[in-house]
């Protein structure tokens, strides 16, 4: 596939599936040739993913096997945050990053990875990184998006979806979600801890694709543990393990966030190819037990 065809295909997917983001992806497409030239990239291989998100993930073979990631909206903090984490010993891909035309780009090394197993052993490893991941850094603070502004619209959409299916999600929970997302001190967050954003290499687990948010440190654990439910481990047990391993972790804030994220995860499952009604029921039972 030629680069121009790959760009056109991604723009077309966004046009069909998320038309509100059409201007964003078209702006990103207009920047690709200039960024490719600036970085002296050649040997386009293929898109790394094909979805409806307003960004490009493009693999090139020269001057090295690498992935170019371009967002079409306001500059984001993924590049600065992953760079900071790598310098501090968290295993992330090598990368360079920059901005052009009001957007941000990353050029990451292409890393061959196997899927991880989302279990309690991996949970403990993520928790052991928490103190470093959530360390305040003036170098990245200004690039991070507020957690509540990012997550609340998604949470409200999930709640609406669940209500339409007959599940109990009281209206006042939206206020509790906002309170949870703004609790405590704001620190750097990955913001999207999931098995899909981790990979296994010969050197161990690698972390990537950070949403780069700012909010309570407990959020990353809550998001990860809510998602663990579909893989078997009990979310509350996993959260308590993570709380015990990360200094300054407030278990009360963590439990509230776990309840809130359980609603979001249940709403996500409602539209998944494999909806897992048993897991949805488990998550909503947890939320109803914790949230008043």
Protein backbone atom coordinates (compact mmCIF):
# COMPACT_ATOMS: atom_id res chain seq x y z
CA UNK A 1 0.00 0.00 0.00
CA UNK A 2 1.24 3.48 -0.81
CA UNK A 3 1.42 6.13 1.89
CA UNK A 4 -1.14 8.35 0.15
CA UNK A 5 -3.61 5.47 -0.02
CA UNK A 6 -3.12 4.67 3.68
CA UNK A 7 -3.80 8.29 4.63
CA UNK A 8 -6.91 8.41 2.46
CA UNK A 9 -8.23 5.15 3.94
CA UNK A 10 -7.86 6.42 7.52
CA UNK A 11 -9.56 9.70 6.66
CA UNK A 12 -12.41 7.78 5.03
CA UNK A 13 -12.87 5.56 8.11
CA UNK A 14 -13.13 8.61 10.35
CA UNK A 15 -15.54 10.26 7.90
CA UNK A 16 -17.84 7.23 8.06
CA UNK A 17 -17.51 6.24 11.71
CA UNK A 18 -16.75 9.46 13.62
CA UNK A 19 -17.56 12.42 11.34
CA UNK A 20 -17.16 14.94 14.19
CA UNK A 21 -13.41 14.21 14.00
CA UNK A 22 -13.13 14.62 10.23
CA UNK A 23 -11.48 18.05 10.34
CA UNK A 24 -8.99 16.73 12.90
CA UNK A 25 -7.87 13.75 10.81
CA UNK A 26 -7.76 15.84 7.63
CA UNK A 27 -5.48 18.32 9.37
CA UNK A 28 -3.22 15.48 10.50
CA UNK A 29 -3.13 14.09 6.94
CA UNK A 30 -2.03 17.48 5.61
CA UNK A 31 0.96 17.44 7.99
CA UNK A 32 2.21 13.93 7.22
CA UNK A 33 4.29 14.75 4.08
CA UNK A 34 6.13 17.57 5.86
CA UNK A 35 6.90 15.48 8.94
CA UNK A 36 8.04 12.52 6.84
CA UNK A 37 10.39 14.81 4.92
CA UNK A 38 11.67 16.51 8.07
CA UNK A 39 12.49 13.13 9.65
CA UNK A 40 13.92 11.76 6.38
CA UNK A 41 11.65 8.71 6.55
CA UNK A 42 11.41 6.28 3.65
CA UNK A 43 10.25 2.77 2.90
CA UNK A 44 6.63 3.06 4.02
CA UNK A 45 5.53 -0.40 5.17
CA UNK A 46 1.90 -0.12 6.28
CA UNK A 47 -0.45 1.43 8.83
CA UNK A 48 0.14 -0.15 12.22
CA UNK A 49 -3.59 -0.12 13.03
CA UNK A 50 -6.75 0.60 11.09
CA UNK A 51 -9.51 2.18 13.20
CA UNK A 52 -11.65 5.31 13.44
CA UNK A 53 -9.40 7.41 15.68
CA UNK A 54 -8.26 10.85 14.43
CA UNK A 55 -4.55 10.00 14.30
CA UNK A 56 -2.11 8.03 12.18
CA UNK A 57 0.20 5.16 13.14
CA UNK A 58 2.51 4.56 10.18
CA UNK A 59 5.41 2.12 9.95
CA UNK A 60 8.56 2.97 7.96
CA UNK A 61 11.64 0.85 7.32
CA UNK A 62 14.24 3.60 6.80
CA UNK A 63 16.44 4.99 8.22
CA UNK A 64 15.38 2.46 10.90
CA UNK A 65 12.32 0.31 11.56
CA UNK A 66 10.06 2.84 13.25
CA UNK A 67 6.49 4.01 13.80
CA UNK A 68 5.33 7.56 13.16
CA UNK A 69 2.37 8.63 15.29
CA UNK A 70 0.61 11.87 14.44
CA UNK A 71 -2.31 13.40 16.31
CA UNK A 72 -4.52 15.85 14.46
CA UNK A 73 -5.59 17.89 17.48
CA UNK A 74 -3.82 20.01 20.09
CA UNK A 75 -0.29 18.92 21.09
CA UNK A 76 -0.33 16.07 23.60
CA UNK A 77 2.01 14.97 26.35
CA UNK A 78 2.62 11.37 25.32
CA UNK A 79 6.07 12.04 23.89
CA UNK A 80 7.40 14.09 26.82
CA UNK A 81 5.90 11.70 29.38
CA UNK A 82 7.24 8.48 27.81
CA UNK A 83 10.64 10.15 27.40
CA UNK A 84 10.66 11.14 31.08
CA UNK A 85 9.66 7.64 32.16
CA UNK A 86 12.33 5.99 30.04
CA UNK A 87 14.99 8.27 31.56
CA UNK A 88 13.72 7.20 34.99
CA UNK A 89 13.95 3.47 34.29
CA UNK A 90 10.43 2.59 33.14
CA UNK A 91 10.68 0.34 30.05
CA UNK A 92 9.17 2.31 27.15
CA UNK A 93 10.17 2.41 23.46
CA UNK A 94 12.91 4.80 22.39
CA UNK A 95 11.40 7.83 20.70
CA UNK A 96 11.73 11.40 19.58
CA UNK A 97 8.84 13.83 19.50
CA UNK A 98 7.90 17.26 18.29
CA UNK A 99 5.13 19.59 17.14
CA UNK A 100 4.06 20.99 13.80
CA UNK A 101 1.03 23.01 12.76
CA UNK A 102 -0.52 22.88 16.22
CA UNK A 103 -0.27 19.08 16.39
CA UNK A 104 2.15 16.64 17.97
CA UNK A 105 4.08 13.73 16.51
CA UNK A 106 6.17 10.87 17.87
CA UNK A 107 8.69 8.67 16.08
CA UNK A 108 9.07 5.44 18.05
CA UNK A 109 11.31 2.46 17.51
CA UNK A 110 9.33 -0.49 16.18
CA UNK A 111 9.45 -3.15 18.89
CA UNK A 112 8.47 -6.76 18.25
CA UNK A 113 6.29 -7.79 21.17
CA UNK A 114 4.13 -10.68 22.29
CA UNK A 115 0.87 -10.16 24.21
CA UNK A 116 1.08 -9.90 27.98
CA UNK A 117 -0.95 -11.99 30.40
CA UNK A 118 -3.17 -9.67 32.49
CA UNK A 119 -2.82 -11.36 35.87
CA UNK A 120 -1.85 -10.48 39.43
CA UNK A 121 1.84 -10.96 38.72
CA UNK A 122 1.71 -8.29 36.03
CA UNK A 123 -0.43 -6.17 38.34
CA UNK A 124 2.33 -6.26 40.95
CA UNK A 125 4.89 -5.22 38.34
CA UNK A 126 2.82 -2.24 37.26
CA UNK A 127 2.35 -1.22 40.89
CA UNK A 128 6.12 -1.37 41.42
CA UNK A 129 6.51 1.27 38.69
CA UNK A 130 3.87 3.54 40.23
CA UNK A 131 6.12 5.73 42.36
CA UNK A 132 8.23 6.64 39.31
CA UNK A 133 5.34 6.94 36.85
CA UNK A 134 3.44 9.26 39.17
CA UNK A 135 6.36 11.44 40.19
CA UNK A 136 5.60 15.12 39.59
CA UNK A 137 7.69 16.60 36.79
CA UNK A 138 7.70 20.28 35.78
CA UNK A 139 9.06 19.19 32.40
CA UNK A 140 5.84 17.38 31.48
CA UNK A 141 3.17 19.00 33.68
CA UNK A 142 2.12 21.61 31.12
CA UNK A 143 1.61 18.96 28.41
CA UNK A 144 -0.81 16.74 30.37
CA UNK A 145 -4.59 16.84 29.85
CA UNK A 146 -6.85 17.03 32.93
CA UNK A 147 -8.24 13.62 33.87
CA UNK A 148 -11.81 14.76 34.55
CA UNK A 149 -12.16 16.69 31.29
CA UNK A 150 -10.98 13.63 29.37
CA UNK A 151 -12.84 10.88 31.21
CA UNK A 152 -16.18 12.40 32.22
CA UNK A 153 -17.65 12.54 28.70
CA UNK A 154 -16.70 8.89 28.19
CA UNK A 155 -18.14 7.95 31.58
CA UNK A 156 -21.42 9.72 30.84
CA UNK A 157 -21.71 7.97 27.48
CA UNK A 158 -21.12 4.59 29.16
CA UNK A 159 -23.71 5.38 31.84
CA UNK A 160 -26.27 6.35 29.21
CA UNK A 161 -25.59 3.13 27.31
CA UNK A 162 -26.07 1.02 30.43
CA UNK A 163 -29.32 2.77 31.37
CA UNK A 164 -30.66 2.15 27.87
CA UNK A 165 -30.07 -1.56 28.50
CA UNK A 166 -31.98 -1.46 31.78
CA UNK A 167 -29.05 -1.34 34.21
CA UNK A 168 -29.12 0.78 37.37
CA UNK A 169 -26.83 3.80 37.06
CA UNK A 170 -28.27 6.63 39.21
CA UNK A 171 -27.98 10.14 37.76
CA UNK A 172 -26.12 11.46 40.82
CA UNK A 173 -23.26 9.05 40.14
CA UNK A 174 -22.05 11.52 37.49
CA UNK A 175 -21.26 13.97 40.30
CA UNK A 176 -19.49 11.22 42.25
CA UNK A 177 -17.46 10.37 39.15
CA UNK A 178 -16.34 13.98 38.81
CA UNK A 179 -15.41 14.08 42.49
CA UNK A 180 -13.36 10.90 42.11
CA UNK A 181 -11.57 12.11 38.99
CA UNK A 182 -10.55 15.34 40.76
CA UNK A 183 -9.68 13.88 44.18
CA UNK A 184 -6.24 14.29 45.73
CA UNK A 185 -3.23 15.84 44.04
CA UNK A 186 -2.82 15.81 40.27
CA UNK A 187 0.19 13.78 39.13
CA UNK A 188 1.26 12.40 35.73
CA UNK A 189 -0.84 9.40 34.66
CA UNK A 190 -0.60 6.86 31.89
CA UNK A 191 -4.36 7.20 31.71
CA UNK A 192 -5.10 4.05 29.72
CA UNK A 193 -3.44 1.08 31.41
CA UNK A 194 -4.61 -2.03 29.58
CA UNK A 195 -3.12 -5.21 28.20
CA UNK A 196 -3.27 -3.66 24.72
CA UNK A 197 -0.83 -0.94 25.82
CA UNK A 198 1.75 -3.37 27.18
CA UNK A 199 3.92 -5.83 25.32
CA UNK A 200 6.34 -8.63 26.17
CA UNK A 201 9.84 -8.58 24.69
CA UNK A 202 12.94 -10.65 25.35
CA UNK A 203 13.88 -8.03 27.96
CA UNK A 204 10.52 -8.03 29.73
CA UNK A 205 7.36 -5.95 29.73
CA UNK A 206 7.26 -2.68 27.76
CA UNK A 207 4.79 0.15 28.38
CA UNK A 208 3.54 2.45 25.61
CA UNK A 209 0.57 4.45 24.22
CA UNK A 210 0.11 6.74 27.23
CA UNK A 211 -2.89 9.06 27.22
CA UNK A 212 -0.72 11.42 29.31
CA UNK A 213 -3.26 12.78 31.78
CA UNK A 214 -3.02 14.61 35.11
CA UNK A 215 -5.09 13.40 38.05
CA UNK A 216 -5.01 11.31 41.23
CA UNK A 217 -2.27 8.67 41.24
CA UNK A 218 -4.85 6.03 42.15
CA UNK A 219 -6.55 6.33 38.75
CA UNK A 220 -4.07 4.18 36.82
CA UNK A 221 -4.56 1.33 39.29
CA UNK A 222 -8.35 1.70 39.27
CA UNK A 223 -8.52 1.65 35.48
CA UNK A 224 -6.24 -1.38 35.25
CA UNK A 225 -8.10 -3.31 37.97
CA UNK A 226 -11.56 -2.65 36.48
CA UNK A 227 -10.29 -4.05 33.19
CA UNK A 228 -8.80 -7.09 34.94
CA UNK A 229 -12.30 -8.38 35.66
CA UNK A 230 -12.69 -9.73 32.13
CA UNK A 231 -9.49 -11.78 32.61
CA UNK A 232 -10.43 -13.39 35.92
CA UNK A 233 -8.73 -11.58 38.83
CA UNK A 234 -10.98 -9.85 41.35
CA UNK A 235 -10.71 -6.05 40.82
CA UNK A 236 -10.85 -5.11 44.51
CA UNK A 237 -8.23 -7.66 45.50
CA UNK A 238 -5.98 -6.42 42.72
CA UNK A 239 -6.46 -2.79 43.77
CA UNK A 240 -5.47 -3.55 47.34
CA UNK A 241 -2.31 -5.29 46.11
CA UNK A 242 -1.40 -2.22 44.07
CA UNK A 243 -2.15 0.10 46.98
CA UNK A 244 0.24 -1.86 49.20
CA UNK A 245 3.06 -1.54 46.66
CA UNK A 246 2.85 2.16 45.75
CA UNK A 247 3.85 4.81 48.31
CA UNK A 248 1.34 7.64 48.90
CA UNK A 249 -1.49 5.55 47.45
CA UNK A 250 -4.79 6.53 49.12
CA UNK A 251 -6.92 3.39 49.25
CA UNK A 252 -10.13 5.35 49.83
CA UNK A 253 -9.62 7.38 46.65
CA UNK A 254 -8.61 4.20 44.85
CA UNK A 255 -11.77 2.34 45.84
CA UNK A 256 -13.98 5.25 44.73
CA UNK A 257 -12.17 5.40 41.39
CA UNK A 258 -12.47 1.64 40.97
CA UNK A 259 -16.25 1.92 41.37
CA UNK A 260 -16.41 4.75 38.84
CA UNK A 261 -14.18 2.90 36.37
CA UNK A 262 -16.23 -0.25 36.82
CA UNK A 263 -19.21 1.63 35.39
CA UNK A 264 -17.12 2.83 32.45
CA UNK A 265 -15.76 -0.66 31.80
CA UNK A 266 -19.24 -2.20 31.99
CA UNK A 267 -20.45 0.37 29.48
CA UNK A 268 -17.56 -0.45 27.18
CA UNK A 269 -18.35 -4.15 27.39
CA UNK A 270 -21.95 -3.44 26.42
CA UNK A 271 -20.84 -2.63 22.86
CA UNK A 272 -17.93 -5.08 22.63
CA UNK A 273 -17.89 -7.95 20.15
CA UNK A 274 -17.84 -10.26 23.19
CA UNK A 275 -19.96 -8.35 25.75
CA UNK A 276 -19.39 -10.78 28.65
CA UNK A 277 -22.64 -10.20 30.60
CA UNK A 278 -21.16 -12.02 33.59
CA UNK A 279 -18.33 -9.49 33.83
CA UNK A 280 -20.73 -6.58 33.30
CA UNK A 281 -22.83 -7.86 36.19
CA UNK A 282 -19.75 -8.25 38.40
CA UNK A 283 -18.60 -4.69 37.68
CA UNK A 284 -22.01 -3.13 38.23
CA UNK A 285 -22.48 -5.07 41.46
CA UNK A 286 -19.15 -3.67 42.65
CA UNK A 287 -20.16 -0.12 41.68
CA UNK A 288 -23.55 -0.39 43.39
CA UNK A 289 -21.94 -1.66 46.58
CA UNK A 290 -19.43 1.20 46.78
CA UNK A 291 -21.23 4.21 45.35
CA UNK A 292 -24.12 5.61 47.45
